[in-house]
């Protein structure tokens, strides 16, 4: 698995939201909040696993994110996630009371996605666009 660089982690931590497009762009993008915990990037669908964008992310498993004008190809991990115990606290710290729907709802917690940078073929590093 390719890891986020320290610079990426800082950008992601300091930016309020990202835009996620699942697959190769045939689906609409969605602007969502995100947190970095233990060097890994997470988002949640507050409407749960039935939300359209979550289903697209789960079914396609890859896509793109855009953060502060930077676009990255990514892998979208929804299965067998070992969630950090600090994940809920990270959402609360970043978003305050707005995070309640993401941390109190079992539906939203079940719709957690880990976003990993996609490796560049042959290099093992994530591309910057």
Protein backbone atom coordinates (compact mmCIF):
# COMPACT_ATOMS: atom_id res chain seq x y z
CA UNK A 1 0.00 0.00 0.00
CA UNK A 2 1.24 3.47 -0.87
CA UNK A 3 1.24 5.89 2.08
CA UNK A 4 0.37 9.57 2.24
CA UNK A 5 3.45 11.76 2.48
CA UNK A 6 3.87 14.03 5.51
CA UNK A 7 3.10 16.99 3.20
CA UNK A 8 -0.11 15.28 2.01
CA UNK A 9 -1.13 14.56 5.60
CA UNK A 10 -0.64 18.21 6.56
CA UNK A 11 -2.68 19.42 3.56
CA UNK A 12 -5.47 16.94 4.30
CA UNK A 13 -5.53 17.77 8.00
CA UNK A 14 -5.63 21.52 7.41
CA UNK A 15 -8.26 21.47 4.65
CA UNK A 16 -11.93 21.41 5.61
CA UNK A 17 -13.26 19.11 2.87
CA UNK A 18 -12.32 17.16 -0.23
CA UNK A 19 -14.19 16.30 -3.39
CA UNK A 20 -14.41 12.57 -4.10
CA UNK A 21 -15.24 11.11 -7.51
CA UNK A 22 -15.63 7.34 -7.55
CA UNK A 23 -14.42 5.41 -10.58
CA UNK A 24 -13.27 7.11 -13.76
CA UNK A 25 -15.48 10.18 -13.51
CA UNK A 26 -18.83 8.81 -14.71
CA UNK A 27 -20.27 9.50 -11.23
CA UNK A 28 -20.82 12.94 -9.77
CA UNK A 29 -18.31 14.11 -7.23
CA UNK A 30 -19.29 14.72 -3.62
CA UNK A 31 -17.76 17.23 -1.24
CA UNK A 32 -17.17 15.63 2.15
CA UNK A 33 -15.27 16.13 5.36
CA UNK A 34 -12.24 13.99 6.07
CA UNK A 35 -9.77 13.23 8.83
CA UNK A 36 -6.26 11.85 8.99
CA UNK A 37 -5.67 9.34 11.80
CA UNK A 38 -2.38 7.51 12.22
CA UNK A 39 -1.33 8.66 8.73
CA UNK A 40 -4.47 7.29 7.05
CA UNK A 41 -7.26 9.30 5.41
CA UNK A 42 -10.89 8.55 6.29
CA UNK A 43 -14.31 9.79 5.20
CA UNK A 44 -17.81 8.74 6.23
CA UNK A 45 -21.20 8.82 4.55
CA UNK A 46 -23.58 10.32 7.10
CA UNK A 47 -26.52 8.66 5.31
CA UNK A 48 -24.87 5.27 5.69
CA UNK A 49 -24.02 2.47 3.30
CA UNK A 50 -27.12 3.15 1.20
CA UNK A 51 -25.90 6.56 0.06
CA UNK A 52 -25.27 6.74 -3.66
CA UNK A 53 -21.66 7.94 -3.44
CA UNK A 54 -20.75 5.36 -0.80
CA UNK A 55 -22.15 2.54 -2.97
CA UNK A 56 -20.18 3.82 -5.97
CA UNK A 57 -16.98 3.99 -3.89
CA UNK A 58 -17.55 0.48 -2.52
CA UNK A 59 -18.42 -1.05 -5.89
CA UNK A 60 -15.70 0.65 -7.94
CA UNK A 61 -12.90 0.71 -5.36
CA UNK A 62 -10.98 3.58 -6.94
CA UNK A 63 -11.43 7.18 -7.92
CA UNK A 64 -9.99 10.66 -7.50
CA UNK A 65 -9.95 13.24 -4.80
CA UNK A 66 -9.42 16.95 -5.12
CA UNK A 67 -8.12 18.93 -2.16
CA UNK A 68 -7.09 22.58 -2.31
CA UNK A 69 -6.53 22.42 -6.06
CA UNK A 70 -4.54 19.16 -5.93
CA UNK A 71 -6.01 16.07 -7.61
CA UNK A 72 -4.92 12.54 -6.69
CA UNK A 73 -5.86 9.10 -7.95
CA UNK A 74 -6.93 6.99 -5.00
CA UNK A 75 -8.01 3.54 -3.86
CA UNK A 76 -11.23 3.40 -1.84
CA UNK A 77 -11.19 0.78 0.91
CA UNK A 78 -14.52 -0.20 2.49
CA UNK A 79 -14.09 -3.85 3.43
CA UNK A 80 -12.44 -5.32 6.52
CA UNK A 81 -11.30 -1.96 7.85
CA UNK A 82 -9.64 -1.93 11.24
CA UNK A 83 -10.78 1.45 12.46
CA UNK A 84 -8.58 3.42 14.78
CA UNK A 85 -10.13 4.10 18.18
CA UNK A 86 -9.20 7.76 17.58
CA UNK A 87 -11.35 8.11 14.47
CA UNK A 88 -14.47 9.47 16.18
CA UNK A 89 -12.36 11.86 18.26
CA UNK A 90 -10.63 13.12 15.11
CA UNK A 91 -13.98 13.92 13.46
CA UNK A 92 -15.13 15.71 16.65
CA UNK A 93 -11.88 17.68 16.94
CA UNK A 94 -12.00 18.84 13.31
CA UNK A 95 -15.73 19.47 12.87
CA UNK A 96 -17.07 20.04 16.40
CA UNK A 97 -20.85 19.56 16.79
CA UNK A 98 -21.19 19.10 13.02
CA UNK A 99 -19.50 15.71 13.44
CA UNK A 100 -22.29 14.32 15.63
CA UNK A 101 -24.05 12.68 12.68
CA UNK A 102 -20.77 10.99 11.70
CA UNK A 103 -19.81 9.66 15.11
CA UNK A 104 -23.12 8.87 16.82
CA UNK A 105 -24.93 7.18 13.96
CA UNK A 106 -24.24 3.45 13.52
CA UNK A 107 -25.20 3.90 9.85
CA UNK A 108 -22.50 6.53 9.29
CA UNK A 109 -19.91 4.58 11.25
CA UNK A 110 -20.64 1.54 9.05
CA UNK A 111 -20.04 3.72 5.98
CA UNK A 112 -16.41 4.55 6.76
CA UNK A 113 -14.02 4.60 3.81
CA UNK A 114 -10.24 4.63 4.03
CA UNK A 115 -8.76 6.51 1.09
CA UNK A 116 -5.29 5.42 0.03
CA UNK A 117 -3.13 7.06 -2.64
CA UNK A 118 -3.05 4.96 -5.79
CA UNK A 119 0.43 3.83 -6.77
CA UNK A 120 1.92 5.10 -10.00
CA UNK A 121 2.53 2.03 -12.19
CA UNK A 122 6.13 0.93 -11.82
CA UNK A 123 7.06 3.48 -9.16
CA UNK A 124 5.14 2.65 -6.01
CA UNK A 125 4.39 6.33 -5.41
CA UNK A 126 1.21 8.34 -5.56
CA UNK A 127 0.75 10.71 -8.49
CA UNK A 128 0.23 14.44 -8.08
CA UNK A 129 -1.92 16.11 -10.72
